[in-house]
Amino acid sequence: MSQADAPILLIEDTPALARLYQEYLAKTQRRVAHVETGAEALAALDALRPPLVLLDLKLPDMDGMSVLQAVKSKAPNTAIVVITANGSVNVAVEAMKAGADDFLVKPFTAERLVVTVSNALDRSDLKRKVDVYEQQIVRNRYHGFLGSSLAMQAVYRIIESAAASKATVFITGESGTGKEVAAEAIHTQSPRAKRPFVPLNCGAIPRDLMESEIFGHVKGAFTGAMADRDGAARQAESGTLFLDEICELDINLQTKLLRFLQTGSFVAVGGSKTERVDIRVVCATNRDPLKEVEAGRFREDLYYRLHVIPLHLPPLRERGEDALEIASSLLADYAREEKKRFVGFDPDLEPLLLSYEWPGNVRQVQNVIRNIVVLHDGVVVTADMLPEPLKGLLGASSGTSLPNTSWRQPVRPEIIRPLAEIEREMIERAINACGGSIPKAAELLAVAPSTIYRKKQAWEAEEAGQQLAS
């Protein structure tokens, strides 16, 4: 059932009022499903997937706020209009802070109900369209990738286009750019998603064992072969075989791999039986494969057999502001894991994070942020928390050495700012980064939305008092 066809869900424990509201809503041409309890509401939510919930906060079996939170958790795109009694406006405001889209105070007219419902549905429909646009046009997360740069948008589109095919994908890119993440994304997006994804690093396995790792072996094929063993090709049946660092493959084994790709069949090491499998092959390398072909280290015919759909992952230095975006997201994730207080970076550090070339790419960013979070704590990441080589670069750029300890070189008092000021700056930055959504900002900051609402009220009250005083 599409959301355009799904009914509005009315949660009201007074049958007479429920009938009245249904009559009011008849002119909207939308069906209305009525339940009287919170338990019935949660069951109907799964079955009906309504675009809008009309929620009376006074229910016989559950607190209306609990139902509200459950709806937001189970169906975040469902609009919610709460209904409360006259004199309970403060409760309605709390509901708005908890995620409700609007509220109605009893008694209300048919016109007020229809207008409120129509507006809530329009906003919900617009939000869904914006979400679809952001997912299809500007995505900052995609199957394990982080980054909204144009270079990464192109990568996401190639993965989506290539995933449905059985054609071999050849992924290139420097170490740390996420080649295995890309291979898993291709598998996850493909019709083979429920079948095995089997990765095999061709550079991490001794050459004399590599053939057995790919094609398996029979008992007694070589010293130590105590039983028959399936190789990666058999393990990946109906799924995806990912051959990482493919250019490390021995030239003799490349011939057997080419034959396997052409026929879909192989013979296990020491065996005589020809086996067939249906798999999709994705491979990757951090080298330039054409240079490997020119040097005679990689078979030209194998290269063209594998290089059907090329996918190049750009280094982080060519991805615009993705480095800061990735670092900020990882900081929030790691701080939550390690139970630390970090919410962002000192603004003075952001130019360094963006200008540094990150030779280890995303893997290096992960290591740097993990190092900071494990070894330090604070509201913001400051210069003295940076590990090498970033700390050395920052010191060199300023012409001074960064202090290793505060007692050797005290911090200048004029650069110290009140903690409350830094906290407000980070909260407002998070809200802006989330398009004004306080619940989303609260999730990234790992605090309750009500905490941000209280702080904003306090700031506004303080500013109003200063204006009156002036």
Protein backbone atom coordinates (compact mmCIF):
# COMPACT_ATOMS: atom_id res chain seq x y z
CA MET A 1 0.00 0.00 0.00
CA SER A 2 1.45 3.38 -1.00
CA GLN A 3 1.33 6.30 1.42
CA ALA A 4 -1.04 8.09 -0.96
CA ASP A 5 -3.57 5.25 -0.46
CA ALA A 6 -2.90 4.54 3.22
CA PRO A 7 -5.44 5.85 5.75
CA ILE A 8 -4.89 8.47 8.41
CA LEU A 9 -4.58 6.77 11.81
CA LEU A 10 -6.79 8.34 14.50
CA ILE A 11 -5.94 7.37 18.10
CA GLU A 12 -8.86 8.52 20.27
CA ASP A 13 -10.42 6.62 23.20
CA THR A 14 -13.77 8.45 23.13
CA PRO A 15 -15.97 6.87 20.41
CA ALA A 16 -18.24 9.90 20.04
CA LEU A 17 -15.30 12.24 19.43
CA ALA A 18 -13.73 9.76 17.04
CA ARG A 19 -16.92 9.67 14.94
CA LEU A 20 -17.03 13.48 14.96
CA TYR A 21 -13.44 13.79 13.76
CA GLN A 22 -14.06 11.22 11.03
CA GLU A 23 -17.02 13.29 9.81
CA TYR A 24 -14.85 16.42 9.84
CA LEU A 25 -12.22 14.65 7.73
CA ALA A 26 -14.65 13.23 5.19
CA LYS A 27 -14.09 16.24 2.94
CA THR A 28 -10.34 15.48 2.67
CA GLN A 29 -11.14 12.31 0.65
CA ARG A 30 -8.70 10.42 2.90
CA ARG A 31 -9.72 7.24 4.68
CA VAL A 32 -9.49 7.30 8.47
CA ALA A 33 -8.65 4.23 10.57
CA HIS A 34 -9.67 4.53 14.22
CA VAL A 35 -8.16 2.80 17.27
CA GLU A 36 -8.83 3.49 20.96
CA THR A 37 -5.64 2.38 22.73
CA GLY A 38 -1.91 2.78 22.45
CA ALA A 39 -1.37 -0.94 21.96
CA GLU A 40 -3.85 -1.00 19.07
CA ALA A 41 -2.14 2.05 17.62
CA LEU A 42 1.30 0.41 17.54
CA ALA A 43 -0.12 -2.71 15.89
CA ALA A 44 -1.98 -0.60 13.30
CA LEU A 45 1.17 1.39 12.61
CA ASP A 46 2.95 -1.70 11.25
CA ALA A 47 -0.07 -2.90 9.29
CA LEU A 48 -1.25 0.39 7.76
CA ARG A 49 1.93 2.54 7.46
CA PRO A 50 -0.18 5.72 7.71
CA PRO A 51 1.13 9.03 6.34
CA LEU A 52 -0.36 10.85 9.36
CA VAL A 53 -1.24 9.98 12.96
CA LEU A 54 -3.79 11.99 14.94
CA LEU A 55 -2.84 11.22 18.55
CA ASP A 56 -4.91 12.01 21.63
CA LEU A 57 -2.35 12.31 24.42
CA LYS A 58 -4.79 10.95 27.03
CA LEU A 59 -5.13 7.20 26.45
CA PRO A 60 -6.44 4.47 28.79
CA ASP A 61 -3.49 2.08 28.55
CA MET A 62 -0.40 4.12 27.66
CA ASP A 63 1.03 7.58 28.05
CA GLY A 64 0.49 9.46 24.78
CA MET A 65 4.11 10.68 24.80
CA SER A 66 5.28 7.05 24.82
CA VAL A 67 3.14 6.37 21.75
CA LEU A 68 4.59 9.48 20.11
CA GLN A 69 8.15 8.29 20.72
CA ALA A 70 7.29 4.82 19.38
CA VAL A 71 5.82 6.30 16.19
CA LYS A 72 8.89 8.47 15.65
CA SER A 73 11.12 5.44 16.16
CA LYS A 74 9.18 2.96 13.99
CA ALA A 75 7.96 5.35 11.28
CA PRO A 76 10.12 8.50 11.25
CA ASN A 77 8.50 9.82 8.05
CA THR A 78 4.97 9.63 9.46
CA ALA A 79 3.54 13.05 10.38
CA ILE A 80 2.08 13.37 13.89
CA VAL A 81 -0.57 15.82 15.09
CA VAL A 82 -1.27 15.59 18.83
CA ILE A 83 -4.65 16.37 20.38
CA THR A 84 -4.77 17.72 23.91
CA ALA A 85 -7.33 19.20 26.28
CA ASN A 86 -7.82 22.92 26.85
CA GLY A 87 -5.32 24.19 29.40
CA SER A 88 -2.68 21.62 28.44
CA VAL A 89 -0.80 23.72 25.89
CA ASN A 90 2.49 23.14 27.73
CA VAL A 91 2.08 19.41 27.18
CA ALA A 92 1.50 20.03 23.48
CA VAL A 93 4.67 22.12 23.30
CA GLU A 94 6.63 19.28 24.92
CA ALA A 95 5.15 16.95 22.30
CA MET A 96 6.35 19.29 19.55
CA LYS A 97 9.82 19.20 21.05
CA ALA A 98 9.66 15.40 21.05
CA GLY A 99 8.93 15.31 17.33
CA ALA A 100 5.22 16.08 16.76
CA ASP A 101 4.51 18.18 13.66
CA ASP A 102 1.54 20.15 15.05
CA PHE A 103 -1.09 20.11 17.81
CA LEU A 104 -4.81 20.75 18.31
CA VAL A 105 -6.43 21.92 21.54
CA LYS A 106 -9.94 20.62 22.26
CA PRO A 107 -12.51 21.73 21.31
CA PHE A 108 -11.64 22.60 17.69
CA THR A 109 -13.68 23.23 14.56
CA ALA A 110 -13.92 21.07 11.46
CA GLU A 111 -12.08 23.74 9.49
CA ARG A 112 -9.20 23.86 11.97
CA LEU A 113 -8.85 20.07 11.86
CA VAL A 114 -8.94 19.89 8.06
CA VAL A 115 -6.40 22.70 7.64
CA THR A 116 -4.04 21.20 10.24
CA VAL A 117 -4.23 17.74 8.69
CA SER A 118 -3.75 19.09 5.15
CA ASN A 119 -0.72 21.14 6.18
CA ALA A 120 0.85 18.20 8.02
CA LEU A 121 0.34 15.91 5.03
CA ASP A 122 1.81 18.50 2.66
CA ARG A 123 4.89 18.93 4.85
CA SER A 124 5.31 15.17 5.17
CA ASP A 125 5.02 14.72 1.40
CA LEU A 126 7.57 17.49 0.81
CA LYS A 127 9.97 15.94 3.32
CA ARG A 128 9.74 12.56 1.56
CA LYS A 129 10.45 14.21 -1.79
CA VAL A 130 13.46 16.04 -0.32
CA ASP A 131 14.74 12.79 1.22
CA VAL A 132 14.46 11.04 -2.16
CA TYR A 133 16.23 13.96 -3.85
CA GLU A 134 19.04 13.89 -1.30
CA GLN A 135 19.41 10.11 -1.63
CA GLN A 136 19.51 10.24 -5.43
CA ILE A 137 21.32 13.53 -6.02
CA VAL A 138 23.35 14.56 -2.98
CA ARG A 139 24.21 11.70 -0.65
CA ASN A 140 26.76 11.96 2.11
CA ARG A 141 26.43 8.29 3.13
CA TYR A 142 26.24 5.28 0.85
CA HIS A 143 26.81 1.64 1.86
CA GLY A 144 29.72 2.37 4.20
CA PHE A 145 31.04 5.39 2.29
CA LEU A 146 31.07 8.89 3.77
CA GLY A 147 31.32 12.01 1.63
CA SER A 148 29.10 14.29 -0.43
CA SER A 149 31.67 15.58 -2.95
CA LEU A 150 30.90 15.45 -6.66
CA ALA A 151 33.65 12.87 -7.11
CA MET A 152 31.89 10.50 -4.70
CA GLN A 153 28.43 11.15 -6.16
CA ALA A 154 29.83 9.79 -9.44
CA VAL A 155 31.14 6.70 -7.61
CA TYR A 156 27.73 6.07 -6.02
CA ARG A 157 25.99 6.32 -9.39
CA ILE A 158 28.42 3.87 -11.05
CA ILE A 159 27.89 1.36 -8.24
CA GLU A 160 24.12 1.60 -8.57
CA SER A 161 24.26 1.26 -12.34
CA ALA A 162 26.70 -1.67 -12.32
CA ALA A 163 25.21 -3.62 -9.41
CA ALA A 164 22.36 -5.28 -11.31
CA SER A 165 24.67 -6.68 -13.99
CA LYS A 166 26.85 -9.79 -13.86
CA ALA A 167 29.68 -7.90 -15.59
CA THR A 168 33.06 -7.84 -13.87
CA VAL A 169 33.92 -4.60 -12.07
CA PHE A 170 37.56 -3.50 -11.88
CA ILE A 171 38.12 -1.14 -8.93
CA THR A 172 41.24 1.01 -8.80
CA GLY A 173 42.41 3.48 -6.19
CA GLU A 174 45.10 4.20 -3.64
CA SER A 175 45.34 2.24 -0.39
CA GLY A 176 42.74 3.36 2.09
CA THR A 177 40.22 4.72 -0.42
CA GLY A 178 37.67 1.97 0.30
CA LYS A 179 37.99 -0.59 -2.48
CA GLU A 180 36.53 -3.42 -0.41
CA VAL A 181 33.73 -1.09 0.75
CA ALA A 182 32.93 -0.48 -2.92
CA ALA A 183 32.95 -4.21 -3.69
CA GLU A 184 30.58 -4.92 -0.81
CA ALA A 185 28.32 -2.06 -1.95
CA ILE A 186 28.12 -3.58 -5.44
CA HIS A 187 27.22 -6.95 -3.91
CA THR A 188 24.65 -5.44 -1.51
CA GLN A 189 22.94 -3.52 -4.33
CA SER A 190 22.89 -6.56 -6.63
CA PRO A 191 20.33 -9.37 -7.01
CA ARG A 192 22.97 -11.60 -5.35
CA ALA A 193 22.81 -9.66 -2.08
CA LYS A 194 21.45 -12.60 -0.07
CA ARG A 195 24.16 -14.94 -1.34
CA PRO A 196 27.80 -15.04 -0.09
CA PHE A 197 30.29 -12.19 -0.51
CA VAL A 198 33.75 -13.81 -0.41
CA PRO A 199 36.80 -11.49 -0.29
CA LEU A 200 40.29 -12.82 -1.10
CA ASN A 201 43.46 -10.72 -0.84
CA CYS A 202 45.81 -11.93 -3.56
CA GLY A 203 48.75 -10.14 -1.97
CA ALA A 204 48.36 -11.64 1.51
CA ILE A 205 48.54 -15.35 0.60
CA PRO A 206 51.75 -17.22 -0.38
CA ARG A 207 51.90 -17.87 -4.12
CA ASP A 208 52.12 -21.63 -3.77
CA LEU A 209 48.83 -21.64 -1.82
CA MET A 210 46.94 -19.12 -3.93
CA GLU A 211 45.53 -21.60 -6.45
CA SER A 212 44.16 -23.72 -3.61
CA GLU A 213 42.64 -20.63 -1.98
CA ILE A 214 40.74 -19.79 -5.18
CA PHE A 215 39.83 -23.22 -6.54
CA GLY A 216 40.17 -25.49 -3.50
CA HIS A 217 42.02 -28.81 -3.24
CA VAL A 218 41.39 -32.51 -2.70
CA LYS A 219 42.79 -34.62 0.11
CA GLY A 220 46.47 -35.44 -0.43
CA ALA A 221 46.99 -32.81 -3.15
CA PHE A 222 50.02 -31.52 -1.24
CA THR A 223 51.66 -31.81 2.15
CA GLY A 224 49.16 -30.71 4.76
CA ALA A 225 46.08 -31.30 2.58
CA MET A 226 44.41 -33.60 5.11
CA ALA A 227 40.90 -33.29 3.62
CA ASP A 228 39.02 -31.90 0.65
CA ARG A 229 38.57 -28.15 0.90
CA ASP A 230 36.37 -25.77 -1.10
CA GLY A 231 38.08 -22.68 -2.46
CA ALA A 232 36.72 -19.14 -2.67
CA ALA A 233 35.14 -19.82 -6.08
CA ARG A 234 32.95 -22.59 -4.64
CA GLN A 235 32.24 -20.67 -1.43
CA ALA A 236 30.94 -17.73 -3.48
CA GLU A 237 28.42 -19.86 -5.42
CA SER A 238 25.54 -17.62 -6.64
CA GLY A 239 27.21 -14.67 -4.92
CA THR A 240 30.23 -12.40 -5.42
CA LEU A 241 33.95 -13.23 -5.40
CA PHE A 242 36.11 -10.20 -4.59
CA LEU A 243 39.77 -10.53 -5.63
CA ASP A 244 41.65 -7.71 -3.92
CA GLU A 245 45.15 -6.70 -5.07
CA ILE A 246 44.63 -8.69 -8.27
CA CYS A 247 47.92 -7.43 -9.75
CA GLU A 248 49.80 -9.44 -7.08
CA LEU A 249 48.56 -12.69 -8.65
CA ASP A 250 51.30 -15.00 -10.01
CA ILE A 251 51.53 -14.86 -13.82
CA ASN A 252 50.97 -18.63 -14.13
CA LEU A 253 47.85 -18.52 -12.01
CA GLN A 254 46.58 -15.61 -14.11
CA THR A 255 46.23 -18.07 -17.02
CA LYS A 256 44.02 -20.38 -14.94
CA LEU A 257 41.97 -17.44 -13.68
CA LEU A 258 41.39 -16.28 -17.28
CA ARG A 259 40.17 -19.74 -18.27
CA PHE A 260 37.88 -19.81 -15.23
CA LEU A 261 36.39 -16.42 -16.13
CA GLN A 262 35.80 -17.54 -19.72
CA THR A 263 34.19 -20.90 -18.94
CA GLY A 264 32.88 -20.59 -15.38
CA SER A 265 34.55 -23.94 -14.64
CA PHE A 266 37.65 -25.06 -12.74
CA VAL A 267 39.46 -28.10 -11.39
CA ALA A 268 40.49 -28.21 -7.73
CA VAL A 269 44.19 -28.63 -6.98
CA GLY A 270 45.01 -32.34 -7.14
CA GLY A 271 41.58 -33.20 -8.52
CA SER A 272 40.33 -34.37 -11.90
CA LYS A 273 36.67 -33.38 -11.77
CA THR A 274 35.61 -30.21 -13.59
CA GLU A 275 33.30 -28.07 -11.45
CA ARG A 276 31.08 -25.19 -12.52
CA VAL A 277 29.91 -22.20 -10.48
CA ASP A 278 27.77 -19.14 -11.05
CA ILE A 279 29.51 -16.16 -9.47
CA ARG A 280 30.04 -12.47 -10.06
CA VAL A 281 33.70 -11.37 -9.97
CA VAL A 282 34.82 -7.98 -8.64
CA CYS A 283 38.53 -7.21 -8.46
CA ALA A 284 40.67 -4.33 -7.22
CA THR A 285 44.22 -3.01 -7.18
CA ASN A 286 46.11 0.00 -5.84
CA ARG A 287 48.51 -0.18 -8.80
CA ASP A 288 48.08 1.14 -12.34
CA PRO A 289 46.98 -2.07 -14.11
CA LEU A 290 48.00 -0.84 -17.59
CA LYS A 291 51.54 -0.19 -16.37
CA GLU A 292 51.57 -3.72 -14.95
CA VAL A 293 50.52 -5.02 -18.39
CA GLU A 294 53.24 -2.98 -20.10
CA ALA A 295 55.83 -4.32 -17.65
CA GLY A 296 54.77 -7.91 -18.42
CA ARG A 297 53.60 -8.61 -14.87
CA PHE A 298 49.91 -8.81 -15.75
CA ARG A 299 48.39 -10.61 -18.74
CA GLU A 300 46.85 -8.26 -21.27
CA ASP A 301 44.03 -10.67 -22.13
CA LEU A 302 43.17 -11.06 -18.43
CA TYR A 303 43.18 -7.28 -18.01
CA TYR A 304 40.60 -6.82 -20.78
CA ARG A 305 38.56 -9.73 -19.45
CA LEU A 306 38.39 -8.08 -16.01
CA HIS A 307 38.25 -4.44 -17.07
CA VAL A 308 34.60 -4.49 -18.18
CA ILE A 309 33.26 -1.84 -15.79
CA PRO A 310 36.06 0.35 -14.41
CA LEU A 311 35.47 2.08 -11.08
CA HIS A 312 38.12 4.51 -9.83
CA LEU A 313 37.98 5.65 -6.21
CA PRO A 314 39.44 9.16 -5.87
CA PRO A 315 42.02 9.88 -3.16
CA LEU A 316 40.79 11.98 -0.26
CA ARG A 317 42.86 14.99 -1.35
CA GLU A 318 40.66 15.21 -4.49
CA ARG A 319 37.35 15.04 -2.61
CA GLY A 320 36.83 18.66 -1.57
CA GLU A 321 35.53 19.00 1.98
CA ASP A 322 34.92 15.27 2.46
CA ALA A 323 37.90 14.99 4.83
CA LEU A 324 36.25 17.29 7.38
CA GLU A 325 32.88 15.59 6.87
CA ILE A 326 34.41 12.16 7.43
CA ALA A 327 36.46 13.31 10.43
CA SER A 328 33.38 14.89 12.07
CA SER A 329 31.26 11.80 11.55
CA LEU A 330 33.97 9.48 12.87
CA LEU A 331 34.51 11.76 15.87
CA ALA A 332 30.82 11.44 16.80
CA ASP A 333 30.87 7.66 16.30
CA TYR A 334 34.06 7.03 18.24
CA ALA A 335 33.11 9.43 21.05
CA ARG A 336 29.86 7.52 21.48
CA GLU A 337 31.74 4.19 21.53
CA GLU A 338 34.36 5.38 24.00
CA LYS A 339 31.88 7.40 26.10
CA LYS A 340 33.78 10.64 25.53
CA ARG A 341 32.36 14.20 25.31
CA PHE A 342 33.67 15.32 21.91
CA VAL A 343 31.20 17.16 19.67
CA GLY A 344 33.51 18.78 17.11
CA PHE A 345 36.84 20.38 16.22
CA ASP A 346 38.32 23.71 17.20
CA PRO A 347 37.52 25.94 14.17
CA ASP A 348 41.24 26.75 13.88
CA LEU A 349 41.93 23.08 13.06
CA GLU A 350 39.46 22.79 10.19
CA PRO A 351 41.75 24.41 7.56
CA LEU A 352 44.47 21.89 8.45
CA LEU A 353 42.09 18.93 8.12
CA LEU A 354 41.02 20.20 4.70
CA SER A 355 44.48 21.12 3.38
CA TYR A 356 46.37 18.05 4.61
CA GLU A 357 46.83 15.55 1.75
CA TRP A 358 45.98 12.43 3.80
CA PRO A 359 48.36 10.00 2.04
CA GLY A 360 46.66 7.10 3.84
CA ASN A 361 43.24 8.36 2.72
CA VAL A 362 40.13 7.41 4.71
CA ARG A 363 41.97 4.68 6.65
CA GLN A 364 44.40 7.32 7.95
CA VAL A 365 41.52 9.59 9.02
CA GLN A 366 40.04 6.66 10.95
CA ASN A 367 43.34 6.04 12.72
CA VAL A 368 43.90 9.72 13.56
CA ILE A 369 40.40 10.25 14.99
CA ARG A 370 40.53 6.98 16.94
CA ASN A 371 43.89 8.03 18.41
CA ILE A 372 42.45 11.40 19.50
CA VAL A 373 39.32 9.95 21.09
CA VAL A 374 41.09 7.13 22.94
CA LEU A 375 43.90 9.28 24.35
CA HIS A 376 42.00 12.50 25.12
CA ASP A 377 38.66 13.91 26.23
CA GLY A 378 36.95 17.27 25.89
CA VAL A 379 34.12 19.07 24.16
CA VAL A 380 36.21 19.99 21.13
CA VAL A 381 39.39 18.58 19.58
CA THR A 382 42.23 21.06 20.10
CA ALA A 383 45.68 21.37 18.53
CA ASP A 384 47.52 19.67 21.39
CA MET A 385 45.44 16.50 20.87
CA LEU A 386 46.60 15.96 17.27
CA PRO A 387 48.99 13.05 16.65
CA GLU A 388 51.92 13.31 14.29
CA PRO A 389 52.34 14.25 11.50
CA LEU A 390 49.42 16.68 11.79
CA LYS A 391 50.68 18.27 15.00
CA GLY A 392 54.08 18.92 13.41
CA LEU A 393 52.50 20.47 10.32
CA LEU A 394 50.35 22.79 12.41
CA GLY A 395 53.36 23.88 14.45
CA ALA A 396 55.46 24.42 11.31
CA SER A 397 52.75 26.49 9.63
CA SER A 398 52.52 28.84 12.59
CA GLY A 399 56.26 29.11 13.04
CA THR A 400 56.05 27.76 16.58
CA SER A 401 56.13 24.38 18.24
CA LEU A 402 52.97 23.10 19.83
CA PRO A 403 53.20 22.41 23.55
CA ASN A 404 53.57 18.81 24.59
CA THR A 405 52.49 19.56 28.15
CA SER A 406 50.75 22.55 29.68
CA TRP A 407 53.32 22.98 32.48
CA ARG A 408 56.21 23.42 29.99
CA GLN A 409 54.50 26.06 27.90
CA PRO A 410 51.29 27.47 29.42
CA VAL A 411 48.41 28.24 27.06
CA ARG A 412 47.94 31.98 26.49
CA PRO A 413 44.91 33.20 28.49
CA GLU A 414 43.61 35.29 25.59
CA ILE A 415 42.93 32.22 23.44
CA ILE A 416 40.90 30.45 26.13
CA ARG A 417 37.15 30.77 25.63
CA PRO A 418 34.31 29.98 28.05
CA LEU A 419 33.11 26.38 27.77
CA ALA A 420 29.49 27.54 27.47
CA GLU A 421 30.42 29.66 24.46
CA ILE A 422 32.16 26.75 22.73
CA GLU A 423 29.23 24.46 23.55
CA ARG A 424 26.73 26.87 21.99
CA GLU A 425 28.90 27.24 18.90
CA MET A 426 29.10 23.48 18.40
CA ILE A 427 25.35 22.97 18.97
CA GLU A 428 24.43 25.71 16.50
CA ARG A 429 26.90 24.32 13.97
CA ALA A 430 25.34 20.86 14.32
CA ILE A 431 21.82 22.27 13.85
CA ASN A 432 22.89 24.15 10.71
CA ALA A 433 24.64 21.04 9.35
CA CYS A 434 21.38 19.10 9.84
CA GLY A 435 19.29 21.63 7.95
CA GLY A 436 17.75 23.08 11.10
CA SER A 437 16.61 19.69 12.46
CA ILE A 438 17.19 19.63 16.21
CA PRO A 439 16.40 15.88 16.58
CA LYS A 440 19.03 15.04 13.92
CA ALA A 441 21.57 17.38 15.53
CA ALA A 442 20.85 15.84 18.94
CA GLU A 443 21.48 12.37 17.52
CA LEU A 444 24.88 13.42 16.13
CA LEU A 445 25.80 15.17 19.40
CA ALA A 446 24.62 12.13 21.41
CA VAL A 447 22.30 14.19 23.63
CA ALA A 448 18.53 14.28 24.08
CA PRO A 449 16.63 16.76 21.83
CA SER A 450 15.06 18.24 24.97
CA THR A 451 18.56 19.24 26.15
CA ILE A 452 19.09 21.35 23.03
CA TYR A 453 15.62 22.86 23.28
CA ARG A 454 16.28 23.90 26.90
CA LYS A 455 19.61 25.45 26.01
CA LYS A 456 18.09 27.36 23.07
CA GLN A 457 15.34 28.70 25.34
CA ALA A 458 17.96 29.80 27.85
CA TRP A 459 20.00 31.56 25.14
CA GLU A 460 16.93 33.32 23.76
CA ALA A 461 15.84 34.41 27.23
CA GLU A 462 19.34 35.75 27.94
CA GLU A 463 19.41 37.68 24.65
CA ALA A 464 15.93 39.11 25.30
CA GLY A 465 17.07 40.26 28.73
CA GLN A 466 20.14 41.94 27.26
CA GLN A 467 17.99 43.77 24.71
CA LEU A 468 15.62 45.03 27.42
CA ALA A 469 18.59 46.13 29.52
CA SER A 470 20.03 48.09 26.60
